[in-house]
Amino acid sequence: MSNSCREQPAALESYRILDLTEYGCLIGPRTLADLGADVIKIEPPGGSRSRIGPYYKDIADREKSLFWFAYCMNKRGITLNLETADGQNIFKRLVKTADAVVESFTPGYLSGLGLGYDDLARIKPDIIMTSITPFGQTGPKAHYQGCDLTAWASGGVLYICGDADRPPVWISFPQAGLFGGMDAANATIAAIYYRGLTREGQYIDLSLQECAISPTLRTTVMWALNRYEHKRAGLALVEPTTHIRFGMSLRCKDGNIVIYMLGSTAPFTNSMDNLIAWMDEEGMAPDWLKNINWTTDYDATRITQEFIDRVENAIERFILTKTKNELYEESIKRRILIAPMQTTKEIADDPQLLYRDFWLEMEHPELHDTLTYVGPSIKLMETPIRFRRRAPLIGEHNQEVYAELGLSRHEIIALKEGRII
């Protein structure tokens, strides 16, 4: 066990990462910062294009971007114009002090500025560079323009999301960049570990399209094995041979729940027996429902969709008489496979999350306010995640970081006046 009298070290506290990512990809360097790395977010003079809404109290100010607050916490922030010769030279000086660069520019952009991996490796042979692009650095689509939605669609996730009788549905908050950012963080950590063994840096080529395929692994396997094209089914489970649809969600008195209404094998059969027994206690289980043998009668290869719909309608009539909390508490006691669908407000008040101190209060002196943040989802005993600073203001750490490079105050002022920083 660590000595409780001293502050425990962070897992990556001896590493420096230069962050040139935007939008959802910002989560990658943010994760490395949470683990203790000195992540320096580099913005163009005037600020990053990722300083987008929603805004604090709906004030459309780049310095009040809640998106930026969320994805740039724990980072230091500087401004630097990479499209100038002076900016490129300063960036190279920063690279000499860094362990890795994570970027999300279009393929060839940094190389065109003389800042590609080959250029940086000449001045720091063990540098690691992780590039996140819509389709990767090679292939017929490498130079195609892309956004989060096109990555999500080209990865196949969009096609399988939504109801069967409607067009595909995009998850309301962009996801592909988040998948790409987290994969970039994992890959960068792996490359840092490898460098520790071999003293060799490396280039990491990451495609958002390929990252977006990861949530579809079950459907891609089904195609590879059986040439079965998974169809949209909403909140339902579809049997691939008979195409029978089993509902997975029902309405209740104050919202919706997830419920497994399946048969054939345990624990589904036990759950259904327990649910019907509860319904019977309250006089809401018709005789035909009580007489179902969930092991033999509720087999997807033998029953009809009409029968399934009849069962689910009978159960929903009962579920509609209960609140989410009543259903959840009773399902735990009776061992029924039910869980509530929580709203954002309910998540904020969730006693389990409150008990585990999941939510973080972070002061924002520039706002004269304290904001609540999502806390870490992992708890490391020896190297705990700590939240050290709120997201940086535009150029907030220019003086600090550039002084570390040996630049004088007068040089920093001249660079600012020349729009280099």
Protein backbone atom coordinates (compact mmCIF):
# COMPACT_ATOMS: atom_id res chain seq x y z
CA MET A 1 0.00 0.00 0.00
CA SER A 2 1.13 3.56 -0.66
CA ASN A 3 2.13 5.88 2.14
CA SER A 4 -1.03 7.88 2.88
CA CYS A 5 1.05 10.78 4.23
CA ARG A 6 2.31 11.74 0.79
CA GLU A 7 0.41 12.54 -2.37
CA GLN A 8 0.18 9.48 -4.57
CA PRO A 9 1.80 9.81 -8.01
CA ALA A 10 -0.21 9.88 -11.21
CA ALA A 11 0.30 7.05 -13.68
CA LEU A 12 1.59 9.24 -16.54
CA GLU A 13 2.94 12.22 -14.65
CA SER A 14 6.42 12.05 -16.21
CA TYR A 15 5.12 12.32 -19.79
CA ARG A 16 4.28 15.31 -21.99
CA ILE A 17 1.71 15.15 -24.79
CA LEU A 18 1.13 17.82 -27.43
CA ASP A 19 -2.56 17.98 -28.33
CA LEU A 20 -3.52 19.01 -31.86
CA THR A 21 -6.93 17.31 -31.89
CA GLU A 22 -10.37 18.84 -32.30
CA TYR A 23 -14.00 18.06 -31.41
CA GLY A 24 -14.68 14.59 -29.99
CA CYS A 25 -11.09 13.49 -30.55
CA LEU A 26 -10.15 15.86 -27.71
CA ILE A 27 -11.23 13.10 -25.31
CA GLY A 28 -8.05 11.15 -26.11
CA PRO A 29 -5.54 13.69 -24.81
CA ARG A 30 -8.00 14.55 -22.01
CA THR A 31 -7.78 10.90 -20.88
CA LEU A 32 -3.98 11.07 -20.89
CA ALA A 33 -4.18 14.31 -18.88
CA ASP A 34 -6.52 12.67 -16.37
CA LEU A 35 -3.89 9.98 -15.90
CA GLY A 36 -1.36 12.64 -15.03
CA ALA A 37 0.39 13.49 -18.31
CA ASP A 38 1.30 17.11 -18.98
CA VAL A 39 -1.00 17.65 -21.94
CA ILE A 40 -0.50 20.94 -23.76
CA LYS A 41 -3.46 21.83 -25.96
CA ILE A 42 -2.24 23.94 -28.88
CA GLU A 43 -4.80 26.33 -30.40
CA PRO A 44 -4.43 28.84 -33.23
CA PRO A 45 -4.34 32.49 -32.12
CA GLY A 46 -7.91 33.45 -31.33
CA GLY A 47 -8.88 30.00 -30.13
CA SER A 48 -9.80 26.49 -31.25
CA ARG A 49 -12.76 25.75 -33.51
CA SER A 50 -13.84 23.26 -30.84
CA ARG A 51 -14.95 26.05 -28.51
CA ILE A 52 -18.54 25.35 -29.49
CA GLY A 53 -21.94 25.26 -27.82
CA PRO A 54 -23.65 24.53 -25.60
CA TYR A 55 -22.38 27.51 -23.63
CA TYR A 56 -22.42 28.42 -19.95
CA LYS A 57 -25.82 30.01 -19.26
CA ASP A 58 -26.35 30.14 -23.05
CA ILE A 59 -23.86 33.01 -23.39
CA ALA A 60 -22.36 32.55 -26.88
CA ASP A 61 -18.76 33.21 -25.83
CA ARG A 62 -15.85 31.00 -26.90
CA GLU A 63 -14.49 31.20 -23.38
CA LYS A 64 -17.75 29.77 -22.03
CA SER A 65 -17.97 26.62 -24.15
CA LEU A 66 -19.23 23.73 -22.03
CA PHE A 67 -17.98 21.36 -24.74
CA TRP A 68 -14.49 22.78 -24.30
CA PHE A 69 -14.75 22.63 -20.51
CA ALA A 70 -15.63 18.93 -20.66
CA TYR A 71 -12.96 17.78 -23.11
CA CYS A 72 -10.03 19.98 -22.13
CA MET A 73 -10.02 19.70 -18.35
CA ASN A 74 -6.59 18.93 -16.86
CA LYS A 75 -4.78 20.33 -19.93
CA ARG A 76 -2.60 23.39 -20.18
CA GLY A 77 -3.36 25.63 -23.15
CA ILE A 78 -1.22 27.71 -25.49
CA THR A 79 -1.78 29.47 -28.81
CA LEU A 80 0.55 28.95 -31.76
CA ASN A 81 0.24 29.63 -35.49
CA LEU A 82 1.62 26.52 -37.15
CA GLU A 83 1.31 28.06 -40.62
CA THR A 84 4.18 30.49 -39.98
CA ALA A 85 7.89 29.72 -40.04
CA ASP A 86 8.33 31.00 -36.49
CA GLY A 87 5.37 28.94 -35.31
CA GLN A 88 6.78 25.81 -36.91
CA ASN A 89 10.17 26.36 -35.28
CA ILE A 90 8.56 26.83 -31.88
CA PHE A 91 6.49 23.69 -32.37
CA LYS A 92 9.66 21.72 -33.15
CA ARG A 93 11.21 23.03 -29.95
CA LEU A 94 8.14 21.83 -28.07
CA VAL A 95 8.41 18.41 -29.72
CA LYS A 96 11.93 18.02 -28.35
CA THR A 97 10.42 18.24 -24.85
CA ALA A 98 7.49 15.92 -25.58
CA ASP A 99 6.82 12.19 -25.63
CA ALA A 100 3.93 12.16 -28.08
CA VAL A 101 1.87 14.28 -30.45
CA VAL A 102 -1.83 13.49 -30.97
CA GLU A 103 -3.45 15.22 -33.96
CA SER A 104 -6.60 15.13 -36.07
CA PHE A 105 -5.70 17.21 -39.14
CA THR A 106 -6.44 15.97 -42.65
CA PRO A 107 -3.82 13.59 -44.11
CA GLY A 108 -0.77 15.43 -45.35
CA TYR A 109 -1.54 18.75 -43.65
CA LEU A 110 1.25 18.61 -41.08
CA SER A 111 3.69 17.10 -43.57
CA GLY A 112 2.98 20.05 -45.85
CA LEU A 113 4.12 22.33 -43.03
CA GLY A 114 7.25 20.31 -42.44
CA LEU A 115 5.75 18.94 -39.23
CA GLY A 116 4.87 15.38 -40.25
CA TYR A 117 6.11 12.30 -38.43
CA ASP A 118 9.24 11.94 -40.58
CA ASP A 119 10.11 15.59 -39.96
CA LEU A 120 9.63 15.31 -36.22
CA ALA A 121 11.44 11.98 -35.96
CA ARG A 122 14.55 13.65 -37.42
CA ILE A 123 14.69 16.06 -34.51
CA LYS A 124 13.45 13.58 -31.87
CA PRO A 125 13.89 9.97 -33.04
CA ASP A 126 11.78 8.45 -30.23
CA ILE A 127 8.77 10.73 -30.72
CA ILE A 128 5.35 9.10 -30.98
CA MET A 129 2.75 10.63 -33.28
CA THR A 130 -0.88 9.52 -33.31
CA SER A 131 -2.96 10.75 -36.25
CA ILE A 132 -6.77 10.53 -36.21
CA THR A 133 -8.49 10.97 -39.58
CA PRO A 134 -11.89 10.00 -41.03
CA PHE A 135 -10.56 7.12 -43.15
CA GLY A 136 -6.89 6.69 -42.27
CA GLN A 137 -3.75 7.78 -44.09
CA THR A 138 -3.98 5.29 -46.98
CA GLY A 139 -6.58 3.83 -49.33
CA PRO A 140 -9.00 5.29 -51.90
CA LYS A 141 -10.87 7.37 -49.28
CA ALA A 142 -7.83 8.62 -47.38
CA HIS A 143 -8.21 12.20 -48.62
CA TYR A 144 -12.01 12.32 -48.50
CA GLN A 145 -13.55 14.96 -46.28
CA GLY A 146 -15.42 13.50 -43.34
CA CYS A 147 -17.29 14.38 -40.18
CA ASP A 148 -18.50 12.48 -37.16
CA LEU A 149 -21.75 11.48 -38.88
CA THR A 150 -20.04 10.19 -42.04
CA ALA A 151 -17.64 8.12 -39.92
CA TRP A 152 -20.55 6.72 -37.91
CA ALA A 153 -22.42 5.90 -41.12
CA SER A 154 -19.46 4.39 -43.00
CA GLY A 155 -18.66 2.22 -39.98
CA GLY A 156 -22.07 0.58 -40.19
CA VAL A 157 -23.44 1.68 -36.82
CA LEU A 158 -25.97 4.10 -38.27
CA TYR A 159 -27.58 1.41 -40.42
CA ILE A 160 -28.51 -0.78 -37.44
CA CYS A 161 -29.74 2.01 -35.12
CA GLY A 162 -33.42 2.86 -35.00
CA ASP A 163 -36.81 1.24 -35.52
CA ALA A 164 -37.39 -1.30 -38.28
CA ASP A 165 -40.06 0.78 -40.03
CA ARG A 166 -38.13 4.05 -39.98
CA PRO A 167 -34.85 5.46 -41.38
CA PRO A 168 -31.64 5.02 -39.38
CA VAL A 169 -31.24 7.13 -36.24
CA TRP A 170 -28.04 8.94 -35.28
CA ILE A 171 -27.13 8.89 -31.60
CA SER A 172 -27.89 12.45 -30.56
CA PHE A 173 -24.36 13.30 -29.43
CA PRO A 174 -21.44 12.71 -31.85
CA GLN A 175 -19.77 9.39 -31.09
CA ALA A 176 -17.15 8.50 -33.71
CA GLY A 177 -14.71 11.12 -32.47
CA LEU A 178 -15.07 9.82 -28.93
CA PHE A 179 -14.31 6.26 -30.05
CA GLY A 180 -11.37 7.56 -32.07
CA GLY A 181 -10.07 9.68 -29.22
CA MET A 182 -10.19 6.83 -26.72
CA ASP A 183 -8.51 4.45 -29.18
CA ALA A 184 -5.85 7.12 -29.73
CA ALA A 185 -5.24 7.36 -25.99
CA ASN A 186 -4.91 3.58 -25.69
CA ALA A 187 -2.60 3.38 -28.70
CA THR A 188 -0.43 6.21 -27.42
CA ILE A 189 -0.05 4.57 -24.02
CA ALA A 190 0.87 1.29 -25.72
CA ALA A 191 3.47 3.06 -27.87
CA ILE A 192 4.93 4.79 -24.81
CA TYR A 193 5.22 1.40 -23.10
CA TYR A 194 6.90 -0.08 -26.19
CA ARG A 195 9.30 2.83 -26.34
CA GLY A 196 10.23 2.11 -22.73
CA LEU A 197 11.29 -1.38 -23.82
CA THR A 198 13.00 -0.51 -27.11
CA ARG A 199 13.72 3.25 -27.05
CA GLU A 200 11.89 3.46 -30.37
CA GLY A 201 9.15 5.91 -31.27
CA GLN A 202 6.48 5.16 -33.84
CA TYR A 203 3.68 6.51 -35.98
CA ILE A 204 0.07 5.54 -35.23
CA ASP A 205 -2.47 5.74 -38.08
CA LEU A 206 -6.03 5.74 -36.73
CA SER A 207 -9.20 5.68 -38.86
CA LEU A 208 -12.50 6.91 -37.42
CA GLN A 209 -14.37 4.63 -39.82
CA GLU A 210 -12.55 1.62 -38.41
CA CYS A 211 -13.08 2.81 -34.82
CA ALA A 212 -16.81 3.13 -35.53
CA ILE A 213 -17.00 -0.52 -36.54
CA SER A 214 -16.09 -1.66 -33.02
CA PRO A 215 -19.66 -1.32 -31.60
CA THR A 216 -20.94 -3.54 -34.45
CA LEU A 217 -18.76 -6.57 -33.71
CA ARG A 218 -21.73 -8.88 -33.18
CA THR A 219 -23.33 -7.88 -36.46
CA THR A 220 -20.09 -8.16 -38.43
CA VAL A 221 -19.51 -11.65 -37.04
CA MET A 222 -23.07 -12.65 -37.99
CA TRP A 223 -22.36 -11.55 -41.55
CA ALA A 224 -19.00 -13.33 -41.69
CA LEU A 225 -20.46 -16.61 -40.41
CA ASN A 226 -23.97 -16.70 -41.87
CA ARG A 227 -24.19 -13.83 -44.36
CA TYR A 228 -26.92 -12.45 -42.11
CA GLU A 229 -27.55 -8.71 -42.49
CA HIS A 230 -28.60 -7.36 -39.11
CA LYS A 231 -31.71 -5.18 -39.36
CA ARG A 232 -32.83 -2.22 -37.30
CA ALA A 233 -35.08 -3.40 -34.51
CA GLY A 234 -35.25 -0.52 -32.05
CA LEU A 235 -35.19 -1.75 -28.46
CA ALA A 236 -35.79 -5.36 -29.40
CA LEU A 237 -33.99 -8.64 -29.90
CA VAL A 238 -34.54 -10.30 -33.30
CA GLU A 239 -34.01 -14.04 -33.77
CA PRO A 240 -31.86 -14.25 -36.94
CA THR A 241 -33.49 -17.41 -38.39
CA THR A 242 -37.21 -16.80 -37.82
CA HIS A 243 -36.98 -12.99 -37.52
CA ILE A 244 -39.21 -13.16 -34.44
CA ARG A 245 -38.98 -9.89 -32.49
CA PHE A 246 -38.77 -9.87 -28.71
CA GLY A 247 -39.35 -6.46 -27.12
CA MET A 248 -36.76 -5.22 -24.63
CA SER A 249 -38.47 -2.08 -23.34
CA LEU A 250 -41.86 -1.30 -21.81
CA ARG A 251 -43.58 1.82 -20.57
CA CYS A 252 -44.20 2.19 -16.87
CA LYS A 253 -45.97 4.83 -14.77
CA ASP A 254 -43.17 7.40 -14.91
CA GLY A 255 -40.99 6.43 -17.87
CA ASN A 256 -39.53 3.31 -19.42
CA ILE A 257 -37.73 0.19 -18.30
CA VAL A 258 -35.53 -2.41 -19.94
CA ILE A 259 -36.84 -5.94 -19.45
CA TYR A 260 -35.85 -9.37 -20.73
CA MET A 261 -39.07 -11.17 -21.77
CA LEU A 262 -37.43 -14.34 -23.09
CA GLY A 263 -37.70 -18.07 -22.56
CA SER A 264 -35.94 -21.38 -23.27
CA THR A 265 -33.03 -21.07 -20.84
CA ALA A 266 -32.16 -19.68 -17.41
CA PRO A 267 -31.93 -17.00 -16.16
CA PHE A 268 -34.68 -15.81 -18.53
CA THR A 269 -37.11 -18.58 -17.62
CA ASN A 270 -36.65 -17.99 -13.89
CA SER A 271 -37.14 -14.26 -14.35
CA MET A 272 -40.39 -14.77 -16.26
CA ASP A 273 -41.74 -17.24 -13.70
CA ASN A 274 -41.03 -14.72 -10.95
CA LEU A 275 -42.62 -11.86 -12.88
CA ILE A 276 -45.82 -13.78 -13.61
CA ALA A 277 -46.03 -14.85 -9.96
CA TRP A 278 -45.86 -11.17 -8.93
CA MET A 279 -48.56 -10.28 -11.46
CA ASP A 280 -50.71 -13.11 -10.14
CA GLU A 281 -50.38 -11.84 -6.56
CA GLU A 282 -51.93 -8.58 -7.73
CA GLY A 283 -54.63 -10.23 -9.82
CA MET A 284 -53.17 -9.14 -13.15
CA ALA A 285 -51.99 -12.46 -14.63
CA PRO A 286 -54.62 -14.09 -16.92
CA ASP A 287 -54.85 -17.88 -16.82
CA TRP A 288 -53.36 -18.36 -20.30
CA LEU A 289 -50.27 -16.38 -19.21
CA LYS A 290 -49.87 -18.38 -15.99
CA ASN A 291 -50.03 -21.62 -17.96
CA ILE A 292 -47.03 -20.82 -20.19
CA ASN A 293 -44.04 -23.09 -19.69
CA TRP A 294 -41.22 -20.63 -20.31
CA THR A 295 -38.74 -23.42 -21.02
CA THR A 296 -40.71 -25.32 -23.65
CA ASP A 297 -43.51 -23.02 -24.86
CA TYR A 298 -41.57 -19.79 -25.41
CA ASP A 299 -39.14 -21.04 -28.05
CA ALA A 300 -38.32 -18.58 -30.85
CA THR A 301 -38.28 -21.41 -33.41
CA ARG A 302 -41.88 -22.44 -32.59
CA ILE A 303 -43.95 -19.46 -31.43
CA THR A 304 -45.53 -16.73 -33.55
CA GLN A 305 -45.06 -12.98 -33.42
CA GLU A 306 -48.75 -12.63 -32.55
CA PHE A 307 -48.27 -14.76 -29.43
CA ILE A 308 -45.21 -12.76 -28.36
CA ASP A 309 -47.10 -9.50 -28.82
CA ARG A 310 -49.98 -10.85 -26.71
CA VAL A 311 -47.59 -11.78 -23.89
CA GLU A 312 -45.82 -8.42 -23.99
CA ASN A 313 -49.08 -6.46 -24.02
CA ALA A 314 -50.31 -8.34 -20.93
CA ILE A 315 -47.06 -7.68 -19.11
CA GLU A 316 -47.03 -4.00 -20.07
CA ARG A 317 -50.51 -3.51 -18.59
CA PHE A 318 -49.03 -4.62 -15.27
CA ILE A 319 -45.81 -2.64 -15.67
CA LEU A 320 -47.85 0.53 -16.33
CA THR A 321 -49.20 0.36 -12.78
CA LYS A 322 -45.70 0.73 -11.28
CA THR A 323 -43.02 3.41 -11.16
CA LYS A 324 -39.45 2.79 -12.27
CA ASN A 325 -38.25 2.73 -8.68
CA GLU A 326 -40.98 0.31 -7.58
CA LEU A 327 -40.12 -2.04 -10.43
CA TYR A 328 -36.40 -1.82 -9.78
CA GLU A 329 -36.62 -2.44 -6.03
CA GLU A 330 -39.07 -5.30 -6.42
CA SER A 331 -37.15 -6.89 -9.28
CA ILE A 332 -34.07 -7.08 -7.09
CA LYS A 333 -36.03 -8.85 -4.35
CA ARG A 334 -37.79 -11.19 -6.76
CA ARG A 335 -34.84 -11.75 -9.14
CA ILE A 336 -36.55 -10.35 -12.23
CA LEU A 337 -34.50 -9.02 -15.16
CA ILE A 338 -35.69 -5.40 -15.08
CA ALA A 339 -33.73 -2.14 -15.02
CA PRO A 340 -34.93 1.47 -15.23
CA MET A 341 -34.04 3.78 -18.12
CA GLN A 342 -32.64 6.75 -16.24
CA THR A 343 -32.94 10.34 -17.39
CA THR A 344 -30.02 12.77 -17.00
CA LYS A 345 -31.62 14.17 -13.85
CA GLU A 346 -32.02 10.68 -12.40
CA ILE A 347 -28.38 9.90 -13.16
CA ALA A 348 -27.36 13.09 -11.36
CA ASP A 349 -29.31 11.95 -8.29
CA ASP A 350 -28.35 8.26 -8.50
CA PRO A 351 -27.48 7.12 -4.95
CA GLN A 352 -24.84 4.69 -6.21
CA LEU A 353 -22.97 7.44 -8.04
CA LEU A 354 -23.35 9.82 -5.11
CA TYR A 355 -22.01 7.19 -2.70
CA ARG A 356 -18.93 6.68 -4.87
CA ASP A 357 -18.27 10.46 -5.15
CA PHE A 358 -18.59 10.20 -8.91
CA TRP A 359 -19.46 13.85 -9.53
CA LEU A 360 -16.71 16.45 -9.37
CA GLU A 361 -17.11 20.08 -8.38
CA MET A 362 -14.63 22.32 -10.21
CA GLU A 363 -14.19 26.03 -9.53
CA HIS A 364 -14.20 28.43 -12.49
CA PRO A 365 -12.92 31.74 -11.08
CA GLU A 366 -13.45 33.47 -14.44
CA LEU A 367 -17.15 32.56 -14.24
CA HIS A 368 -17.45 33.23 -10.51
CA ASP A 369 -19.08 29.83 -10.31
CA THR A 370 -18.49 26.16 -9.54
CA LEU A 371 -19.51 23.59 -12.18
CA THR A 372 -20.27 19.88 -11.79
CA TYR A 373 -18.31 17.45 -13.95
CA VAL A 374 -18.47 13.75 -14.70
CA GLY A 375 -15.86 12.04 -12.56
CA PRO A 376 -13.48 9.21 -13.47
CA SER A 377 -15.07 5.86 -14.23
CA ILE A 378 -11.99 4.02 -12.95
CA LYS A 379 -10.41 4.15 -9.52
CA LEU A 380 -6.69 3.38 -9.43
CA MET A 381 -5.52 2.53 -5.92
CA GLU A 382 -1.85 3.43 -6.34
CA THR A 383 -2.07 6.12 -9.04
CA PRO A 384 -5.48 7.78 -8.58
CA ILE A 385 -6.96 10.08 -11.18
CA ARG A 386 -7.04 13.67 -9.97
CA PHE A 387 -8.62 16.72 -11.54
CA ARG A 388 -5.97 19.39 -11.29
CA ARG A 389 -7.32 22.25 -13.38
CA ARG A 390 -10.30 23.41 -15.40
CA ALA A 391 -9.99 23.67 -19.18
CA PRO A 392 -7.61 26.46 -20.24
CA LEU A 393 -8.63 29.89 -21.44
CA ILE A 394 -7.32 30.94 -24.84
CA GLY A 395 -3.53 31.18 -24.51
CA GLU A 396 -3.76 30.93 -20.72
CA HIS A 397 -0.44 29.12 -20.33
CA ASN A 398 1.54 30.90 -23.06
CA GLN A 399 3.83 32.67 -20.60
CA GLU A 400 4.34 29.54 -18.53
CA VAL A 401 5.02 27.06 -21.36
CA TYR A 402 7.08 29.36 -23.57
CA ALA A 403 9.18 30.39 -20.59
CA GLU A 404 9.92 26.68 -20.09
CA LEU A 405 11.32 26.72 -23.64
CA GLY A 406 13.65 29.55 -22.67
CA LEU A 407 11.78 32.40 -24.36
CA SER A 408 11.98 35.73 -22.60
CA ARG A 409 8.98 37.85 -21.71
CA HIS A 410 9.92 40.33 -24.44
CA GLU A 411 10.15 37.52 -27.02
CA ILE A 412 6.73 36.21 -25.98
CA ILE A 413 5.24 39.72 -26.31
CA ALA A 414 6.78 40.10 -29.77
CA LEU A 415 5.40 36.71 -30.86
CA LYS A 416 1.94 37.75 -29.69
CA GLU A 417 2.13 41.07 -31.50
CA GLY A 418 3.17 39.19 -34.66
CA ARG A 419 0.19 36.82 -34.36
CA ILE A 420 2.56 33.87 -34.01
CA ILE A 421 0.99 33.00 -30.66
